[in-house]
């Protein structure tokens, strides 16, 4: 019986250690932003034609709902920048303001062309440790582009 308890304790410890780095994207309140700025970067550059501003609150909330629940893990800033610079990406920036007089960004993530998502914030309005999805989500980017009518 003592061996079984020790074995179960060991298994529990191992499972806890394995899942300690993984988190889930979650928002307590999605009303922290009223403007969504989207910009595509190709070869580490962009242009006016590859930018869009969205102020429709329903669409902004739906985009946040699409990433809510995704599994992520922490990465360091150097790895974040290396990933971001390695391929084309879409930046989604959530702002408070009217597009002309905006406050600082409240939340942001970068959707890489391979389906990886890099999160600049670990929570809204908290630019803490960068996060990266544990899985790739190419279809999710296409759904977002359709919802927001993005053609670039």
N, C-alpha and C. Protein backbone atom coordinates (compact mmCIF):
# COMPACT_ATOMS: atom_id res chain seq x y z
N UNK A 1 0.82 -1.19 0.00
CA UNK A 1 0.00 0.00 0.00
C UNK A 1 0.88 1.26 0.00
N UNK A 2 1.96 1.22 0.77
CA UNK A 2 2.86 2.36 0.85
C UNK A 2 3.50 2.65 -0.52
N UNK A 3 3.83 1.58 -1.27
CA UNK A 3 4.42 1.74 -2.59
C UNK A 3 3.43 2.40 -3.55
N UNK A 4 2.17 2.04 -3.45
CA UNK A 4 1.14 2.63 -4.32
C UNK A 4 1.00 4.12 -4.03
N UNK A 5 0.99 4.49 -2.77
CA UNK A 5 0.87 5.90 -2.40
C UNK A 5 2.07 6.69 -2.90
N UNK A 6 3.26 6.13 -2.75
CA UNK A 6 4.47 6.79 -3.24
C UNK A 6 4.42 6.93 -4.76
N UNK A 7 3.98 5.88 -5.45
CA UNK A 7 3.87 5.91 -6.90
C UNK A 7 2.86 6.97 -7.34
N UNK A 8 1.70 7.02 -6.69
CA UNK A 8 0.68 8.03 -7.03
C UNK A 8 1.19 9.44 -6.76
N UNK A 9 1.90 9.62 -5.67
CA UNK A 9 2.47 10.93 -5.36
C UNK A 9 3.49 11.34 -6.42
N UNK A 10 4.31 10.40 -6.86
CA UNK A 10 5.30 10.66 -7.89
C UNK A 10 4.63 11.04 -9.21
N UNK A 11 3.60 10.29 -9.60
CA UNK A 11 2.87 10.58 -10.85
C UNK A 11 2.24 11.97 -10.78
N UNK A 12 1.62 12.28 -9.65
CA UNK A 12 1.01 13.60 -9.47
C UNK A 12 2.05 14.71 -9.59
N UNK A 13 3.19 14.51 -8.98
CA UNK A 13 4.27 15.48 -9.04
C UNK A 13 4.75 15.67 -10.48
N UNK A 14 4.91 14.59 -11.21
CA UNK A 14 5.37 14.66 -12.60
C UNK A 14 4.35 15.38 -13.48
N UNK A 15 3.07 15.06 -13.30
CA UNK A 15 2.03 15.73 -14.09
C UNK A 15 1.97 17.21 -13.77
N UNK A 16 2.14 17.57 -12.54
CA UNK A 16 2.15 18.98 -12.15
C UNK A 16 3.33 19.71 -12.77
N UNK A 17 4.47 19.07 -12.79
CA UNK A 17 5.67 19.69 -13.36
C UNK A 17 5.52 19.88 -14.86
N UNK A 18 4.90 18.93 -15.54
CA UNK A 18 4.74 19.02 -16.99
C UNK A 18 3.77 20.12 -17.38
N UNK A 19 2.74 20.33 -16.60
CA UNK A 19 1.72 21.31 -16.97
C UNK A 19 1.98 22.68 -16.36
N UNK A 20 3.04 22.85 -15.62
CA UNK A 20 3.31 24.09 -14.93
C UNK A 20 3.58 25.27 -15.84
N UNK A 21 4.10 25.04 -17.02
CA UNK A 21 4.45 26.10 -17.95
C UNK A 21 3.29 26.45 -18.88
N UNK A 22 2.29 25.61 -18.96
CA UNK A 22 1.17 25.83 -19.88
C UNK A 22 0.06 26.62 -19.20
N UNK A 23 -0.49 27.58 -19.95
CA UNK A 23 -1.59 28.41 -19.47
C UNK A 23 -2.68 28.42 -20.52
N UNK A 24 -3.80 29.05 -20.17
CA UNK A 24 -4.91 29.21 -21.10
C UNK A 24 -5.24 30.69 -21.20
N UNK A 25 -5.47 31.18 -22.42
CA UNK A 25 -5.86 32.57 -22.62
C UNK A 25 -7.26 32.75 -22.05
N UNK A 26 -7.43 33.78 -21.21
CA UNK A 26 -8.72 34.03 -20.57
C UNK A 26 -8.89 35.53 -20.35
N UNK A 27 -10.10 36.01 -20.55
CA UNK A 27 -10.43 37.42 -20.31
C UNK A 27 -11.55 37.50 -19.29
N UNK A 28 -11.35 38.28 -18.24
CA UNK A 28 -12.41 38.49 -17.27
C UNK A 28 -13.48 39.40 -17.85
N UNK A 29 -13.06 40.38 -18.64
CA UNK A 29 -13.97 41.36 -19.23
C UNK A 29 -13.40 41.77 -20.58
N UNK A 30 -14.20 41.64 -21.63
CA UNK A 30 -13.72 41.94 -22.98
C UNK A 30 -13.97 43.39 -23.39
N UNK A 31 -14.47 44.21 -22.49
CA UNK A 31 -14.79 45.60 -22.84
C UNK A 31 -13.62 46.56 -22.64
N UNK A 32 -12.41 46.04 -22.48
CA UNK A 32 -11.25 46.90 -22.22
C UNK A 32 -10.79 47.68 -23.44
N UNK A 33 -11.28 47.34 -24.64
CA UNK A 33 -10.87 48.04 -25.86
C UNK A 33 -12.08 48.34 -26.72
N UNK A 34 -12.03 49.47 -27.42
CA UNK A 34 -13.10 49.79 -28.36
C UNK A 34 -12.58 50.00 -29.78
N UNK A 35 -11.30 49.76 -29.97
CA UNK A 35 -10.70 49.86 -31.30
C UNK A 35 -9.74 48.69 -31.50
N UNK A 36 -9.85 48.08 -32.67
CA UNK A 36 -8.94 47.00 -33.04
C UNK A 36 -8.15 47.45 -34.26
N UNK A 37 -6.85 47.45 -34.15
CA UNK A 37 -5.96 47.82 -35.24
C UNK A 37 -5.28 46.56 -35.75
N UNK A 38 -5.43 46.29 -37.06
CA UNK A 38 -4.82 45.11 -37.67
C UNK A 38 -3.80 45.59 -38.70
N UNK A 39 -2.63 44.98 -38.69
CA UNK A 39 -1.59 45.34 -39.65
C UNK A 39 -0.84 44.08 -40.05
N UNK A 40 -0.66 43.93 -41.35
CA UNK A 40 0.12 42.80 -41.86
C UNK A 40 1.56 43.26 -42.11
N UNK A 41 2.49 42.42 -41.72
CA UNK A 41 3.91 42.69 -41.98
C UNK A 41 4.46 41.55 -42.84
N UNK A 42 5.06 41.93 -43.96
CA UNK A 42 5.73 40.98 -44.85
C UNK A 42 7.17 41.41 -44.98
N UNK A 43 8.09 40.48 -44.85
CA UNK A 43 9.52 40.80 -44.91
C UNK A 43 9.87 41.95 -43.96
N UNK A 44 9.26 41.91 -42.78
CA UNK A 44 9.49 42.89 -41.71
C UNK A 44 9.15 44.33 -42.09
N UNK A 45 8.22 44.50 -43.04
CA UNK A 45 7.75 45.85 -43.37
C UNK A 45 6.26 45.81 -43.68
N UNK A 46 5.64 46.98 -43.69
CA UNK A 46 4.21 47.08 -43.94
C UNK A 46 3.93 48.33 -44.76
N UNK A 47 2.65 48.54 -45.10
CA UNK A 47 2.25 49.72 -45.85
C UNK A 47 0.82 50.09 -45.46
N UNK A 48 0.36 51.25 -45.93
CA UNK A 48 -1.01 51.70 -45.66
C UNK A 48 -2.04 50.69 -46.14
N UNK A 49 -1.76 50.03 -47.25
CA UNK A 49 -2.70 49.06 -47.83
C UNK A 49 -2.85 47.81 -46.98
N UNK A 50 -1.94 47.61 -46.05
CA UNK A 50 -1.98 46.41 -45.21
C UNK A 50 -2.36 46.75 -43.77
N UNK A 51 -3.23 47.77 -43.61
CA UNK A 51 -3.69 48.18 -42.28
C UNK A 51 -5.20 48.33 -42.30
N UNK A 52 -5.79 48.07 -41.15
CA UNK A 52 -7.24 48.26 -41.02
C UNK A 52 -7.57 48.58 -39.57
N UNK A 53 -8.54 49.48 -39.39
CA UNK A 53 -9.02 49.86 -38.06
C UNK A 53 -10.47 49.39 -37.96
N UNK A 54 -10.80 48.71 -36.85
CA UNK A 54 -12.16 48.20 -36.61
C UNK A 54 -12.66 48.79 -35.30
N UNK A 55 -13.87 49.37 -35.33
CA UNK A 55 -14.46 49.94 -34.11
C UNK A 55 -15.76 49.25 -33.73
N UNK A 56 -16.15 48.23 -34.45
CA UNK A 56 -17.37 47.47 -34.15
C UNK A 56 -17.12 46.61 -32.91
N UNK A 57 -17.77 46.97 -31.78
CA UNK A 57 -17.54 46.27 -30.51
C UNK A 57 -17.85 44.78 -30.60
N UNK A 58 -18.89 44.41 -31.34
CA UNK A 58 -19.24 42.98 -31.47
C UNK A 58 -18.12 42.21 -32.14
N UNK A 59 -17.55 42.78 -33.20
CA UNK A 59 -16.46 42.11 -33.90
C UNK A 59 -15.21 42.03 -33.02
N UNK A 60 -14.93 43.09 -32.28
CA UNK A 60 -13.77 43.08 -31.38
C UNK A 60 -13.94 41.99 -30.33
N UNK A 61 -15.13 41.92 -29.74
CA UNK A 61 -15.39 40.88 -28.73
C UNK A 61 -15.31 39.49 -29.32
N UNK A 62 -15.77 39.33 -30.57
CA UNK A 62 -15.70 38.02 -31.21
C UNK A 62 -14.26 37.59 -31.46
N UNK A 63 -13.41 38.53 -31.86
CA UNK A 63 -11.99 38.20 -32.07
C UNK A 63 -11.36 37.76 -30.75
N UNK A 64 -11.67 38.48 -29.67
CA UNK A 64 -11.15 38.08 -28.35
C UNK A 64 -11.68 36.71 -27.95
N UNK A 65 -12.94 36.43 -28.25
CA UNK A 65 -13.52 35.12 -27.94
C UNK A 65 -12.85 34.01 -28.73
N UNK A 66 -12.40 34.31 -29.94
CA UNK A 66 -11.76 33.30 -30.78
C UNK A 66 -10.42 32.84 -30.20
N UNK A 67 -9.71 33.73 -29.52
CA UNK A 67 -8.43 33.32 -28.93
C UNK A 67 -8.59 32.86 -27.48
N UNK A 68 -9.72 33.16 -26.88
CA UNK A 68 -9.94 32.73 -25.50
C UNK A 68 -9.99 31.21 -25.44
N UNK A 69 -9.31 30.65 -24.49
CA UNK A 69 -9.28 29.19 -24.32
C UNK A 69 -8.09 28.52 -24.99
N UNK A 70 -7.34 29.26 -25.81
CA UNK A 70 -6.16 28.67 -26.46
C UNK A 70 -5.09 28.36 -25.42
N UNK A 71 -4.40 27.26 -25.62
CA UNK A 71 -3.31 26.85 -24.74
C UNK A 71 -2.03 27.57 -25.17
N UNK A 72 -1.36 28.15 -24.20
CA UNK A 72 -0.13 28.90 -24.46
C UNK A 72 0.92 28.54 -23.42
N UNK A 73 2.15 28.91 -23.73
CA UNK A 73 3.23 28.76 -22.76
C UNK A 73 4.11 30.00 -22.83
N UNK A 74 4.83 30.26 -21.77
CA UNK A 74 5.70 31.43 -21.69
C UNK A 74 6.94 31.22 -22.54
N UNK A 75 7.39 32.31 -23.15
CA UNK A 75 8.67 32.31 -23.87
C UNK A 75 9.41 33.58 -23.48
N UNK A 76 10.70 33.59 -23.70
CA UNK A 76 11.45 34.81 -23.38
C UNK A 76 11.35 35.80 -24.54
N UNK A 77 11.70 37.03 -24.28
CA UNK A 77 11.56 38.10 -25.25
C UNK A 77 12.42 37.86 -26.49
N UNK A 78 13.61 37.32 -26.33
CA UNK A 78 14.47 37.04 -27.48
C UNK A 78 13.83 36.03 -28.42
N UNK A 79 13.28 34.96 -27.86
CA UNK A 79 12.61 33.93 -28.66
C UNK A 79 11.37 34.52 -29.34
N UNK A 80 10.63 35.36 -28.62
CA UNK A 80 9.46 36.04 -29.17
C UNK A 80 9.86 36.84 -30.42
N UNK A 81 10.90 37.66 -30.30
CA UNK A 81 11.34 38.49 -31.43
C UNK A 81 11.87 37.64 -32.58
N UNK A 82 12.59 36.58 -32.26
CA UNK A 82 13.11 35.68 -33.30
C UNK A 82 11.96 35.08 -34.11
N UNK A 83 10.94 34.59 -33.41
CA UNK A 83 9.77 34.01 -34.09
C UNK A 83 9.06 35.07 -34.93
N UNK A 84 8.84 36.25 -34.35
CA UNK A 84 8.11 37.31 -35.02
C UNK A 84 8.82 37.77 -36.29
N UNK A 85 10.13 37.85 -36.27
CA UNK A 85 10.89 38.33 -37.43
C UNK A 85 11.11 37.25 -38.49
N UNK A 86 10.79 36.00 -38.17
CA UNK A 86 11.11 34.89 -39.07
C UNK A 86 10.10 34.69 -40.20
N UNK A 87 8.92 35.30 -40.10
CA UNK A 87 7.90 35.07 -41.13
C UNK A 87 6.88 36.20 -41.13
N UNK A 88 6.06 36.24 -42.17
CA UNK A 88 5.00 37.25 -42.26
C UNK A 88 4.01 37.05 -41.13
N UNK A 89 3.37 38.16 -40.73
CA UNK A 89 2.44 38.07 -39.60
C UNK A 89 1.36 39.14 -39.68
N UNK A 90 0.30 38.91 -38.95
CA UNK A 90 -0.76 39.89 -38.74
C UNK A 90 -0.70 40.31 -37.28
N UNK A 91 -0.65 41.62 -37.04
CA UNK A 91 -0.66 42.14 -35.68
C UNK A 91 -2.07 42.61 -35.37
N UNK A 92 -2.61 42.16 -34.24
CA UNK A 92 -3.92 42.58 -33.77
C UNK A 92 -3.69 43.38 -32.49
N UNK A 93 -3.95 44.68 -32.54
CA UNK A 93 -3.75 45.54 -31.38
C UNK A 93 -5.07 46.08 -30.88
N UNK A 94 -5.35 45.91 -29.62
CA UNK A 94 -6.61 46.33 -29.01
C UNK A 94 -6.36 47.60 -28.21
N UNK A 95 -7.06 48.68 -28.58
CA UNK A 95 -6.81 49.99 -28.01
C UNK A 95 -8.07 50.56 -27.38
N UNK A 96 -7.88 51.49 -26.49
CA UNK A 96 -8.97 52.26 -25.92
C UNK A 96 -8.87 53.64 -26.55
N UNK A 97 -9.91 54.08 -27.23
CA UNK A 97 -9.89 55.38 -27.88
C UNK A 97 -10.70 55.33 -29.15
N UNK A 98 -10.68 56.43 -29.91
CA UNK A 98 -11.50 56.54 -31.11
C UNK A 98 -10.72 56.41 -32.41
N UNK A 99 -9.49 56.02 -32.35
CA UNK A 99 -8.69 55.87 -33.56
C UNK A 99 -7.81 57.08 -33.83
N UNK A 100 -8.23 58.25 -33.35
CA UNK A 100 -7.39 59.44 -33.50
C UNK A 100 -6.72 59.80 -32.19
N UNK A 101 -7.48 59.73 -31.11
CA UNK A 101 -6.94 59.98 -29.76
C UNK A 101 -6.98 58.68 -28.99
N UNK A 102 -5.98 57.86 -29.17
CA UNK A 102 -5.98 56.56 -28.51
C UNK A 102 -5.03 56.56 -27.32
N UNK A 103 -5.42 55.81 -26.32
CA UNK A 103 -4.54 55.56 -25.19
C UNK A 103 -3.57 54.47 -25.60
N UNK A 104 -2.68 54.11 -24.70
CA UNK A 104 -1.74 53.03 -25.01
C UNK A 104 -2.50 51.73 -25.25
N UNK A 105 -1.86 50.82 -25.96
CA UNK A 105 -2.49 49.54 -26.24
C UNK A 105 -2.86 48.80 -24.97
N UNK A 106 -3.99 48.12 -25.02
CA UNK A 106 -4.47 47.36 -23.88
C UNK A 106 -4.15 45.87 -24.01
N UNK A 107 -4.01 45.41 -25.27
CA UNK A 107 -3.77 43.99 -25.50
C UNK A 107 -3.31 43.84 -26.95
N UNK A 108 -2.52 42.82 -27.24
CA UNK A 108 -2.07 42.60 -28.61
C UNK A 108 -1.60 41.17 -28.78
N UNK A 109 -1.74 40.69 -30.02
CA UNK A 109 -1.14 39.42 -30.38
C UNK A 109 -0.75 39.46 -31.84
N UNK A 110 0.19 38.60 -32.21
CA UNK A 110 0.68 38.50 -33.58
C UNK A 110 0.39 37.10 -34.09
N UNK A 111 -0.26 37.03 -35.24
CA UNK A 111 -0.62 35.76 -35.85
C UNK A 111 0.38 35.49 -36.97
N UNK A 112 1.25 34.51 -36.80
CA UNK A 112 2.26 34.19 -37.81
C UNK A 112 1.65 33.37 -38.94
N UNK A 113 2.28 33.42 -40.11
CA UNK A 113 1.72 32.73 -41.28
C UNK A 113 1.62 31.22 -41.10
N UNK A 114 2.42 30.64 -40.21
CA UNK A 114 2.33 29.18 -39.99
C UNK A 114 1.23 28.79 -39.01
N UNK A 115 0.50 29.79 -38.46
CA UNK A 115 -0.60 29.50 -37.54
C UNK A 115 -0.24 29.64 -36.08
N UNK A 116 1.01 29.96 -35.79
CA UNK A 116 1.43 30.22 -34.41
C UNK A 116 0.93 31.60 -34.00
N UNK A 117 0.52 31.74 -32.74
CA UNK A 117 0.10 33.04 -32.23
C UNK A 117 1.03 33.44 -31.09
N UNK A 118 1.57 34.65 -31.19
CA UNK A 118 2.42 35.21 -30.15
C UNK A 118 1.63 36.30 -29.42
N UNK A 119 1.53 36.18 -28.13
CA UNK A 119 0.79 37.15 -27.32
C UNK A 119 1.77 38.07 -26.62
N UNK A 120 1.63 39.38 -26.86
CA UNK A 120 2.50 40.37 -26.25
C UNK A 120 2.16 40.58 -24.77
N UNK A 121 0.94 40.31 -24.40
CA UNK A 121 0.45 40.55 -23.04
C UNK A 121 0.03 39.22 -22.43
N UNK A 122 0.33 39.02 -21.15
CA UNK A 122 -0.15 37.80 -20.51
C UNK A 122 -1.57 38.00 -19.97
N UNK A 123 -2.01 39.26 -19.83
CA UNK A 123 -3.39 39.63 -19.47
C UNK A 123 -3.65 40.98 -20.10
N UNK A 124 -4.94 41.37 -20.23
CA UNK A 124 -5.19 42.68 -20.80
C UNK A 124 -4.57 43.76 -19.92
N UNK A 125 -3.97 44.73 -20.58
CA UNK A 125 -3.31 45.87 -19.94
C UNK A 125 -2.13 45.46 -19.06
N UNK A 126 -1.52 44.30 -19.34
CA UNK A 126 -0.38 43.83 -18.56
C UNK A 126 0.66 43.22 -19.49
N UNK A 127 1.59 44.04 -20.00
CA UNK A 127 2.62 43.50 -20.89
C UNK A 127 3.66 42.71 -20.10
N UNK A 128 3.26 41.57 -19.59
CA UNK A 128 4.15 40.72 -18.80
C UNK A 128 4.96 39.81 -19.70
N UNK A 129 5.12 38.60 -19.30
CA UNK A 129 5.89 37.63 -20.05
C UNK A 129 5.18 37.28 -21.36
N UNK A 130 5.88 37.31 -22.51
CA UNK A 130 5.26 36.92 -23.77
C UNK A 130 4.83 35.45 -23.74
N UNK A 131 3.79 35.16 -24.52
CA UNK A 131 3.25 33.81 -24.59
C UNK A 131 3.20 33.35 -26.04
N UNK A 132 3.25 32.03 -26.25
CA UNK A 132 3.15 31.44 -27.58
C UNK A 132 2.18 30.26 -27.50
N UNK A 133 1.38 30.10 -28.55
CA UNK A 133 0.44 28.97 -28.55
C UNK A 133 1.21 27.66 -28.64
N UNK A 134 0.65 26.65 -28.01
CA UNK A 134 1.28 25.33 -28.04
C UNK A 134 0.94 24.59 -29.33
N UNK A 135 -0.11 25.02 -30.02
CA UNK A 135 -0.53 24.44 -31.31
C UNK A 135 -0.62 25.54 -32.35
N UNK A 136 -0.66 25.16 -33.61
CA UNK A 136 -0.82 26.11 -34.71
C UNK A 136 -2.30 26.21 -35.06
N UNK A 137 -2.74 27.42 -35.48
CA UNK A 137 -4.17 27.68 -35.71
C UNK A 137 -4.38 28.43 -37.03
N UNK A 138 -3.98 27.84 -38.15
CA UNK A 138 -4.11 28.50 -39.46
C UNK A 138 -5.56 28.82 -39.80
N UNK A 139 -6.47 27.90 -39.52
CA UNK A 139 -7.88 28.12 -39.85
C UNK A 139 -8.45 29.30 -39.06
N UNK A 140 -7.98 29.50 -37.86
CA UNK A 140 -8.48 30.59 -37.03
C UNK A 140 -8.14 31.94 -37.65
N UNK A 141 -6.96 32.08 -38.22
CA UNK A 141 -6.60 33.32 -38.89
C UNK A 141 -7.54 33.58 -40.06
N UNK A 142 -7.84 32.56 -40.84
CA UNK A 142 -8.76 32.73 -41.96
C UNK A 142 -10.15 33.15 -41.48
N UNK A 143 -10.61 32.57 -40.38
CA UNK A 143 -11.92 32.96 -39.82
C UNK A 143 -11.91 34.42 -39.38
N UNK A 144 -10.82 34.85 -38.76
CA UNK A 144 -10.71 36.25 -38.32
C UNK A 144 -10.71 37.20 -39.51
N UNK A 145 -9.96 36.83 -40.55
CA UNK A 145 -9.91 37.68 -41.75
C UNK A 145 -11.28 37.79 -42.41
N UNK A 146 -12.03 36.70 -42.44
CA UNK A 146 -13.38 36.74 -43.01
C UNK A 146 -14.29 37.62 -42.16
N UNK A 147 -14.27 37.45 -40.86
CA UNK A 147 -15.11 38.24 -39.96
C UNK A 147 -14.83 39.73 -40.10
N UNK A 148 -13.56 40.09 -40.19
CA UNK A 148 -13.16 41.50 -40.25
C UNK A 148 -13.07 42.03 -41.67
N UNK A 149 -13.38 41.18 -42.66
CA UNK A 149 -13.33 41.55 -44.08
C UNK A 149 -11.95 42.10 -44.45
N UNK A 150 -10.95 41.33 -44.10
CA UNK A 150 -9.56 41.68 -44.42
C UNK A 150 -9.18 40.95 -45.70
N UNK A 151 -8.68 41.72 -46.67
CA UNK A 151 -8.32 41.14 -47.97
C UNK A 151 -6.84 41.35 -48.29
N UNK A 152 -6.05 41.52 -47.29
CA UNK A 152 -4.60 41.66 -47.52
C UNK A 152 -3.87 40.59 -46.77
